[in-house]
């Protein structure tokens, strides 16, 4: 079912300048091996997730993929210098040590791309004949990015990028860019796709959903099973496992949330027999990331004063930042997808059960369970169901 005013984010990254050449497509598969099994980057990405949710907060619904944005912006940060780089890394909550950061992403990519439930794809789109610094191309290998050579002056470049996004998101996001700035020299794209069936069976039903401004009877799903649940300091939270228990959905019913609250809730959960009601959802929308990223401190990168000298000797700055997501929840499970685009341009039924109804505004998190930690893949806030 459809949702009103939902915030979504998707990150493909474009670096723009002057153009020439014709279209050619080449894939580059990285042989970079992770140097450690320590996934310290999990806490960094989770912190960024909550900062971004706050920066994007509005009266409407939200649904973003912080990890998609991280995978798209991290290669851009690798080509930045000076205050431009400092601002990007601080906003993304990433370590300043280049070697540690690159290996963290290589390790995370290898760790996540191990099941059929979740796929992550990264790509660089380079203007044919344009000189990108060799060192930058070497560093990009850590992000397992495909390499494509195109002519950005041609409409075919936008078509190829959109086709790539559609393919990598199983058609859930079919278009990330309409027209490409003719000064584009480099584009970085990220696409994610998640599909998970519930561990426990749900049936279709209906319930009342209490939005801030109205009460509506909506389609819903219901299940009676044992779920991890807590009512910590008056905040209800429940964890719904998928068939592949490396993944789960966490729903938190509150008006405000932070990483600290999220950790306390997940750490205080107990298994409880619950009759669980969840509204059916289907969300698909795109958002401009420039304003929220600026709120997080990425300011210089959006001006001609930006320093991207690690990519090219030509002056570049970010001219656009877009993100798109898709979410569907029904009795079978969950389907979620995300993509990111940043444009850089050149100057110039038992009896004794607890009933839990997700029937008022709530936060939603799809997570990858990693030992005692939970890596947030998608996060959002639902306030309206119709």
Protein backbone atom coordinates (compact mmCIF):
# COMPACT_ATOMS: atom_id res chain seq x y z
CA UNK A 1 0.00 0.00 0.00
CA UNK A 2 1.09 3.53 -0.56
CA UNK A 3 2.49 5.94 2.01
CA UNK A 4 2.29 9.73 1.93
CA UNK A 5 5.32 12.00 1.94
CA UNK A 6 8.08 9.50 2.51
CA UNK A 7 11.70 10.59 2.65
CA UNK A 8 14.09 8.42 0.71
CA UNK A 9 17.76 8.62 -0.10
CA UNK A 10 19.97 7.12 -2.78
CA UNK A 11 23.51 7.74 -3.54
CA UNK A 12 25.19 7.58 -6.90
CA UNK A 13 28.10 9.94 -7.19
CA UNK A 14 28.92 12.20 -10.10
CA UNK A 15 32.07 14.20 -10.52
CA UNK A 16 31.70 16.71 -13.30
CA UNK A 17 33.94 18.63 -15.75
CA UNK A 18 34.50 18.91 -19.57
CA UNK A 19 33.75 15.95 -21.94
CA UNK A 20 34.70 13.98 -25.10
CA UNK A 21 34.83 10.38 -26.43
CA UNK A 22 32.37 7.52 -27.01
CA UNK A 23 30.81 4.82 -24.83
CA UNK A 24 32.75 1.83 -23.66
CA UNK A 25 32.08 -0.41 -20.64
CA UNK A 26 34.76 -2.24 -18.68
CA UNK A 27 34.46 -4.08 -15.36
CA UNK A 28 37.29 -4.04 -12.84
CA UNK A 29 37.12 -6.68 -10.12
CA UNK A 30 39.18 -5.92 -7.07
CA UNK A 31 41.60 -8.45 -5.60
CA UNK A 32 41.93 -6.43 -2.41
CA UNK A 33 41.63 -8.69 0.62
CA UNK A 34 40.39 -7.48 4.01
CA UNK A 35 43.22 -7.24 6.54
CA UNK A 36 41.07 -7.91 9.61
CA UNK A 37 37.83 -9.49 10.76
CA UNK A 38 37.24 -6.59 13.11
CA UNK A 39 34.23 -4.64 11.90
CA UNK A 40 34.77 -1.44 13.83
CA UNK A 41 33.07 0.47 11.03
CA UNK A 42 29.68 -0.88 12.19
CA UNK A 43 29.49 1.66 15.02
CA UNK A 44 30.61 4.46 12.66
CA UNK A 45 27.86 3.74 10.12
CA UNK A 46 25.21 3.35 12.82
CA UNK A 47 26.15 6.73 14.31
CA UNK A 48 25.90 8.30 10.84
CA UNK A 49 22.48 6.67 10.39
CA UNK A 50 21.00 8.45 13.40
CA UNK A 51 22.66 11.75 12.54
CA UNK A 52 21.22 11.55 9.02
CA UNK A 53 17.74 10.61 10.25
CA UNK A 54 17.75 13.72 12.43
CA UNK A 55 19.07 15.93 9.61
CA UNK A 56 16.33 14.65 7.28
CA UNK A 57 13.48 14.70 9.79
CA UNK A 58 10.24 16.21 8.55
CA UNK A 59 6.50 15.81 9.15
CA UNK A 60 6.35 13.02 6.59
CA UNK A 61 7.74 9.49 6.51
CA UNK A 62 11.44 8.75 6.05
CA UNK A 63 13.31 5.77 4.66
CA UNK A 64 17.02 5.89 3.90
CA UNK A 65 20.01 3.60 3.51
CA UNK A 66 22.96 5.10 5.39
CA UNK A 67 25.28 2.33 4.22
CA UNK A 68 24.46 3.07 0.56
CA UNK A 69 25.37 6.70 1.11
CA UNK A 70 28.58 5.69 2.89
CA UNK A 71 29.63 3.40 0.03
CA UNK A 72 29.00 6.21 -2.48
CA UNK A 73 30.69 9.02 -0.57
CA UNK A 74 33.68 7.09 0.77
CA UNK A 75 35.39 6.91 -2.68
CA UNK A 76 34.73 10.64 -3.08
CA UNK A 77 36.39 11.30 0.27
CA UNK A 78 39.39 9.30 -0.96
CA UNK A 79 39.87 11.88 -3.71
CA UNK A 80 39.37 14.89 -1.45
CA UNK A 81 41.99 16.90 0.38
CA UNK A 82 42.31 19.48 3.13
CA UNK A 83 39.17 20.79 4.82
CA UNK A 84 36.96 19.20 2.13
CA UNK A 85 38.09 15.74 3.17
CA UNK A 86 37.92 16.54 6.88
CA UNK A 87 34.30 17.69 6.60
CA UNK A 88 33.19 14.63 4.60
CA UNK A 89 34.84 12.11 6.90
CA UNK A 90 33.55 13.84 10.04
CA UNK A 91 29.99 13.95 8.68
CA UNK A 92 30.15 10.27 7.71
CA UNK A 93 31.67 9.39 11.12
CA UNK A 94 34.57 7.63 9.35
CA UNK A 95 38.21 7.30 10.49
CA UNK A 96 40.68 9.79 9.08
CA UNK A 97 43.36 7.12 8.55
CA UNK A 98 43.12 6.27 4.83
CA UNK A 99 44.49 2.75 5.13
CA UNK A 100 42.20 1.80 8.03
CA UNK A 101 39.15 3.26 6.30
CA UNK A 102 39.80 1.54 2.95
CA UNK A 103 40.38 -1.83 4.56
CA UNK A 104 37.28 -1.37 6.72
CA UNK A 105 35.15 -0.92 3.60
CA UNK A 106 36.83 -3.82 1.78
CA UNK A 107 36.20 -5.99 4.84
CA UNK A 108 32.60 -4.86 5.20
CA UNK A 109 31.86 -5.46 1.51
CA UNK A 110 33.24 -9.01 1.71
CA UNK A 111 31.32 -9.65 4.94
CA UNK A 112 27.95 -8.46 3.62
CA UNK A 113 28.05 -9.95 0.12
CA UNK A 114 27.83 -13.52 1.41
CA UNK A 115 24.12 -14.31 1.07
CA UNK A 116 21.33 -14.09 -1.48
CA UNK A 117 19.37 -11.77 0.82
CA UNK A 118 21.57 -8.71 0.34
CA UNK A 119 23.60 -7.46 -2.62
CA UNK A 120 25.76 -4.35 -2.75
CA UNK A 121 27.19 -2.98 -5.99
CA UNK A 122 29.50 -0.04 -6.62
CA UNK A 123 30.62 1.45 -9.92
CA UNK A 124 32.78 4.24 -11.33
CA UNK A 125 31.73 5.87 -14.58
CA UNK A 126 34.64 7.68 -16.22
CA UNK A 127 34.69 9.96 -19.23
CA UNK A 128 36.58 8.12 -21.96
CA UNK A 129 39.98 9.74 -22.48
CA UNK A 130 39.85 11.83 -19.31
CA UNK A 131 42.94 11.44 -17.07
CA UNK A 132 42.01 10.25 -13.60
CA UNK A 133 44.98 10.00 -11.27
CA UNK A 134 46.44 6.50 -11.15
CA UNK A 135 46.71 6.50 -7.35
CA UNK A 136 43.01 7.28 -7.06
CA UNK A 137 42.12 4.38 -9.35
CA UNK A 138 44.23 2.07 -7.19
CA UNK A 139 42.50 3.24 -4.01
CA UNK A 140 39.03 2.74 -5.52
CA UNK A 141 39.73 -1.00 -5.75
CA UNK A 142 39.10 -1.25 -2.01
CA UNK A 143 35.44 -0.44 -2.69
CA UNK A 144 35.05 -3.31 -5.19
CA UNK A 145 33.79 -0.89 -7.84
CA UNK A 146 33.16 -1.83 -11.46
CA UNK A 147 34.80 0.53 -13.95
CA UNK A 148 32.79 1.85 -16.92
CA UNK A 149 34.10 4.25 -19.60
CA UNK A 150 31.39 6.43 -21.16
CA UNK A 151 30.76 9.66 -23.03
CA UNK A 152 28.79 11.90 -20.68
CA UNK A 153 27.80 14.25 -23.53
CA UNK A 154 25.65 11.46 -24.94
CA UNK A 155 22.19 10.63 -23.57
CA UNK A 156 23.32 7.04 -23.66
CA UNK A 157 25.46 7.59 -20.54
CA UNK A 158 22.42 8.42 -18.40
CA UNK A 159 20.56 5.49 -19.91
CA UNK A 160 23.40 3.07 -19.08
CA UNK A 161 23.63 4.33 -15.50
CA UNK A 162 19.87 3.98 -15.01
CA UNK A 163 19.91 0.49 -16.52
CA UNK A 164 22.73 -0.48 -14.14
CA UNK A 165 20.78 0.86 -11.14
CA UNK A 166 17.62 -0.96 -12.24
CA UNK A 167 19.49 -4.23 -12.71
CA UNK A 168 21.27 -4.03 -9.34
CA UNK A 169 18.01 -3.19 -7.49
CA UNK A 170 15.92 -5.82 -9.31
CA UNK A 171 13.90 -3.08 -10.97
CA UNK A 172 12.76 -1.49 -7.71
CA UNK A 173 14.63 1.72 -8.56
CA UNK A 174 14.58 2.21 -12.31
CA UNK A 175 15.91 5.74 -12.67
CA UNK A 176 18.45 7.73 -10.65
CA UNK A 177 19.37 10.47 -13.11
CA UNK A 178 17.39 12.14 -15.91
CA UNK A 179 20.07 14.30 -17.51
CA UNK A 180 23.80 14.42 -16.82
CA UNK A 181 25.68 17.69 -16.64
CA UNK A 182 27.82 17.90 -19.82
CA UNK A 183 30.83 18.83 -17.66
CA UNK A 184 30.79 15.45 -15.92
CA UNK A 185 34.08 13.56 -15.91
CA UNK A 186 33.45 10.90 -13.28
CA UNK A 187 30.42 9.30 -11.62
CA UNK A 188 30.29 6.96 -8.63
CA UNK A 189 27.18 4.85 -8.12
CA UNK A 190 26.02 2.56 -5.35
CA UNK A 191 23.04 0.21 -5.44
CA UNK A 192 21.70 -2.11 -2.76
CA UNK A 193 18.97 -4.74 -2.79
CA UNK A 194 17.55 -6.67 0.15
CA UNK A 195 14.92 -9.39 0.13
CA UNK A 196 13.99 -11.42 3.19
CA UNK A 197 11.15 -13.77 4.05
CA UNK A 198 9.83 -13.77 7.60
CA UNK A 199 10.91 -16.59 9.88
CA UNK A 200 7.39 -16.81 11.32
CA UNK A 201 4.21 -16.87 9.26
CA UNK A 202 2.03 -13.75 9.03
CA UNK A 203 -1.59 -13.47 7.95
CA UNK A 204 -3.37 -10.52 6.37
CA UNK A 205 -5.68 -8.41 8.53
CA UNK A 206 -6.45 -4.75 9.19
CA UNK A 207 -6.08 -2.33 12.09
CA UNK A 208 -6.36 1.33 13.00
CA UNK A 209 -3.19 3.41 12.57
CA UNK A 210 -2.93 6.56 14.68
CA UNK A 211 -1.07 9.25 12.73
CA UNK A 212 -0.43 12.68 14.30
CA UNK A 213 -3.30 14.23 12.33
CA UNK A 214 -5.69 11.36 11.64
CA UNK A 215 -6.79 7.81 12.40
CA UNK A 216 -7.11 5.40 9.47
CA UNK A 217 -8.03 1.75 9.13
CA UNK A 218 -5.20 0.21 7.14
CA UNK A 219 -4.15 -3.15 5.74
CA UNK A 220 -1.91 -5.03 8.15
CA UNK A 221 -0.29 -8.38 8.86
CA UNK A 222 -0.48 -10.35 12.11
CA UNK A 223 1.49 -13.19 13.71
CA UNK A 224 1.56 -14.92 17.08
CA UNK A 225 5.13 -16.03 17.82
CA UNK A 226 8.00 -15.55 20.21
CA UNK A 227 9.81 -12.28 19.47
CA UNK A 228 12.55 -10.29 21.14
CA UNK A 229 10.71 -7.44 22.84
CA UNK A 230 11.27 -4.67 25.37
CA UNK A 231 9.37 -1.84 26.97
CA UNK A 232 12.35 0.15 28.17
CA UNK A 233 11.57 3.44 29.92
CA UNK A 234 8.16 3.49 28.23
CA UNK A 235 9.53 2.86 24.73
CA UNK A 236 8.28 -0.32 23.05
CA UNK A 237 10.57 -2.14 20.63
CA UNK A 238 10.27 -5.49 18.88
CA UNK A 239 12.67 -7.47 16.67
CA UNK A 240 11.19 -9.52 13.81
CA UNK A 241 13.57 -12.18 12.43
CA UNK A 242 13.84 -13.20 8.81
CA UNK A 243 14.25 -16.82 7.69
CA UNK A 244 17.97 -16.06 7.36
CA UNK A 245 18.50 -15.02 10.97
CA UNK A 246 21.57 -12.98 10.06
CA UNK A 247 18.96 -10.32 9.28
CA UNK A 248 16.06 -8.89 11.25
CA UNK A 249 13.76 -5.89 11.39
CA UNK A 250 13.63 -3.76 14.54
CA UNK A 251 10.61 -1.52 15.12
CA UNK A 252 10.69 1.17 17.81
CA UNK A 253 7.53 3.10 18.75
CA UNK A 254 8.69 6.52 19.88
CA UNK A 255 8.76 10.10 18.66
CA UNK A 256 12.49 10.56 19.21
CA UNK A 257 15.41 8.19 18.99
CA UNK A 258 19.20 8.19 19.22
CA UNK A 259 21.98 5.64 18.91
CA UNK A 260 22.17 5.43 22.71
CA UNK A 261 18.46 4.66 23.00
CA UNK A 262 18.70 2.14 20.13
CA UNK A 263 21.53 0.29 21.89
CA UNK A 264 19.70 0.25 25.23
CA UNK A 265 16.56 -1.10 23.59
CA UNK A 266 18.32 -3.89 21.69
CA UNK A 267 20.43 -4.81 24.73
CA UNK A 268 17.36 -5.08 26.99
CA UNK A 269 15.19 -7.27 24.79
CA UNK A 270 13.71 -10.51 26.14
CA UNK A 271 11.95 -13.28 24.23
CA UNK A 272 8.20 -13.01 24.70
CA UNK A 273 5.10 -14.58 23.18
CA UNK A 274 3.52 -11.75 21.17
CA UNK A 275 0.56 -11.23 18.90
CA UNK A 276 2.20 -8.77 16.55
CA UNK A 277 0.41 -6.41 14.16
CA UNK A 278 2.41 -4.51 11.51
CA UNK A 279 0.96 -2.21 8.84
CA UNK A 280 1.61 -3.18 5.24
CA UNK A 281 3.87 -0.65 3.56
CA UNK A 282 5.14 0.25 0.13
CA UNK A 283 7.43 3.27 -0.16
CA UNK A 284 9.28 4.65 -3.16
CA UNK A 285 10.60 8.19 -3.32
CA UNK A 286 13.72 10.23 -4.02
CA UNK A 287 15.35 13.05 -2.05
CA UNK A 288 17.98 15.72 -2.49
CA UNK A 289 20.83 15.09 -0.03
CA UNK A 290 22.59 18.44 -0.26
CA UNK A 291 20.68 20.10 2.58
CA UNK A 292 20.94 17.24 5.13
CA UNK A 293 24.60 16.62 4.27
CA UNK A 294 25.28 20.32 4.72
CA UNK A 295 23.57 20.15 8.12
CA UNK A 296 25.99 17.38 9.03
CA UNK A 297 28.94 19.62 8.15
CA UNK A 298 29.73 18.90 4.48
CA UNK A 299 29.86 22.52 3.34
CA UNK A 300 33.08 23.28 1.41
CA UNK A 301 32.53 20.27 -0.90
CA UNK A 302 29.44 22.01 -2.31
CA UNK A 303 31.35 25.18 -3.25
CA UNK A 304 34.01 26.06 -5.88
CA UNK A 305 36.50 26.15 -2.97
CA UNK A 306 36.32 22.35 -2.70
CA UNK A 307 39.51 20.32 -2.93
CA UNK A 308 39.24 17.11 -4.97
CA UNK A 309 42.85 17.16 -6.12
CA UNK A 310 43.22 13.46 -5.36
CA UNK A 311 40.94 12.68 -8.32
CA UNK A 312 42.07 15.20 -10.91
CA UNK A 313 44.17 18.35 -11.29
CA UNK A 314 41.02 20.14 -12.45
CA UNK A 315 38.93 22.09 -9.92
CA UNK A 316 35.82 20.13 -8.91
CA UNK A 317 32.98 20.49 -6.43
CA UNK A 318 29.77 18.65 -5.61
CA UNK A 319 26.87 20.10 -7.56
CA UNK A 320 24.13 17.62 -6.61
CA UNK A 321 23.51 14.80 -4.17
CA UNK A 322 20.53 12.46 -4.52
CA UNK A 323 19.30 9.30 -2.86
CA UNK A 324 16.44 6.91 -3.64
CA UNK A 325 14.99 4.02 -1.69
CA UNK A 326 12.23 1.43 -1.93
CA UNK A 327 10.52 -0.52 0.87
CA UNK A 328 7.74 -3.09 0.81
CA UNK A 329 6.43 -4.97 3.84
CA UNK A 330 3.75 -7.66 3.47
CA UNK A 331 2.86 -11.07 4.86
CA UNK A 332 5.71 -12.73 2.96
CA UNK A 333 8.56 -10.54 4.18
CA UNK A 334 10.45 -7.42 3.19
CA UNK A 335 11.94 -6.03 -0.01
CA UNK A 336 14.17 -2.96 0.23
CA UNK A 337 16.44 -1.21 -2.24
CA UNK A 338 18.62 1.90 -2.33
CA UNK A 339 20.82 3.88 -4.69
CA UNK A 340 22.91 7.04 -4.28
CA UNK A 341 24.02 9.81 -6.67
CA UNK A 342 26.39 12.73 -5.99
CA UNK A 343 27.31 15.06 -8.82
CA UNK A 344 30.68 16.80 -8.77
CA UNK A 345 31.07 19.54 -11.34
CA UNK A 346 33.97 21.57 -12.64
CA UNK A 347 34.33 25.29 -11.92
CA UNK A 348 33.78 27.16 -15.11
CA UNK A 349 -2.61 -18.16 18.81
CA UNK A 350 -1.96 -19.19 22.46
CA UNK A 351 -3.96 -17.54 25.30
CA UNK A 352 -1.17 -15.95 27.32
CA UNK A 353 0.38 -13.56 24.86
CA UNK A 354 1.38 -9.90 24.77
CA UNK A 355 -0.47 -7.92 22.09
CA UNK A 356 1.76 -5.42 20.28
CA UNK A 357 0.14 -3.25 17.61
CA UNK A 358 2.44 -1.06 15.55
CA UNK A 359 -0.39 1.45 15.27
CA UNK A 360 1.28 4.80 15.85
CA UNK A 361 4.36 6.58 14.45
CA UNK A 362 7.45 4.39 14.66
CA UNK A 363 11.07 4.07 13.65
CA UNK A 364 12.08 1.13 11.49
CA UNK A 365 15.49 -0.49 11.11
CA UNK A 366 16.57 -3.39 8.90
CA UNK A 367 19.77 -4.73 10.37
CA UNK A 368 22.50 -7.29 9.73
CA UNK A 369 23.18 -9.18 12.96
CA UNK A 370 26.95 -9.26 13.55
CA UNK A 371 27.55 -10.95 16.87
CA UNK A 372 26.49 -8.58 19.63
CA UNK A 373 26.31 -5.67 17.19
CA UNK A 374 23.61 -4.82 14.70
CA UNK A 375 24.65 -3.04 11.50
CA UNK A 376 21.88 -0.73 10.29
CA UNK A 377 21.27 -1.32 6.57
CA UNK A 378 18.09 0.74 6.23
CA UNK A 379 16.42 3.11 8.68
CA UNK A 380 13.29 5.19 8.61
CA UNK A 381 10.42 6.85 10.44
CA UNK A 382 6.80 6.08 9.59
CA UNK A 383 4.17 8.57 10.72
CA UNK A 384 1.42 8.14 8.13
CA UNK A 385 -0.25 5.00 6.77
CA UNK A 386 -3.23 5.21 4.40
